[in-house]
Amino acid sequence: MIDPVLQARVERKLDLNERLVWAGKPVPWAFSKKTLGAMLFGIPWSFITAIVMSGFIYGLFFTEDGRGEPLALKIGICIFFVPFVTIGVGMLGAPLWARLRTPHWVYAVTDKRALLIGLFHTRDWRASELRFVDRADHRNGRSDLFFAHDGGNGNGTRCPTGFHNLPTAEASAAESALRTLMKGRNNA
């Protein structure tokens, strides 16, 4: 199960007469691992951005040719580089951000819905929205449970969604709770 603080967070999200059936947490490092590609791309991105930006700043502020340029142009060029630096920092910090936010995630199944409670958001799927329950076990001791479709990926294909990176030992109980929730919907 989950620790009492996270259990209290789940219980605050429950509706009146709603009963918690199962709750669990994802494996945080698994989300960090998925962002390693972004971090690796962020290294050359940030390096090239730093070289180009420092060249412009040096040329504008520290050379004879740049001293005569208007201040507005100098500030404008510095502002131009802000998005590139921000993107680079975001890519370099992606694994850390993923690692820091996922310990606050809680997956829960009640007698009425499935919930994903995050640090800043809560997503829920009522029993009527559950279409299937598919489970994917991975060799590293974690499992994914898919039970609904979210929007598309831009080409008309709908993306399955659900509980990702659960410890395999907990996935069986979650799968059973989801199947019971779907059965209750079909019997109602």
Foldseek 3Di string as FASTA:
>chain_A
DDDPVLVVVVVVPDDPPKFWQDKDAFDQQVQLVVLVVLQVVLVVLQVVLVVVLVVLLCVQPPDPVNVPDDPVVNVVSVVVSVVSNVSSVCSNCVSVVSNVWRVQWMWTFILFWTWTDTPPDIDIDGLVQFDDWDKDDDPVQFIWIWTHWDPPPPPPHTDTDGRGRHGPVRVVSVSVSSVSSNVVVVVD
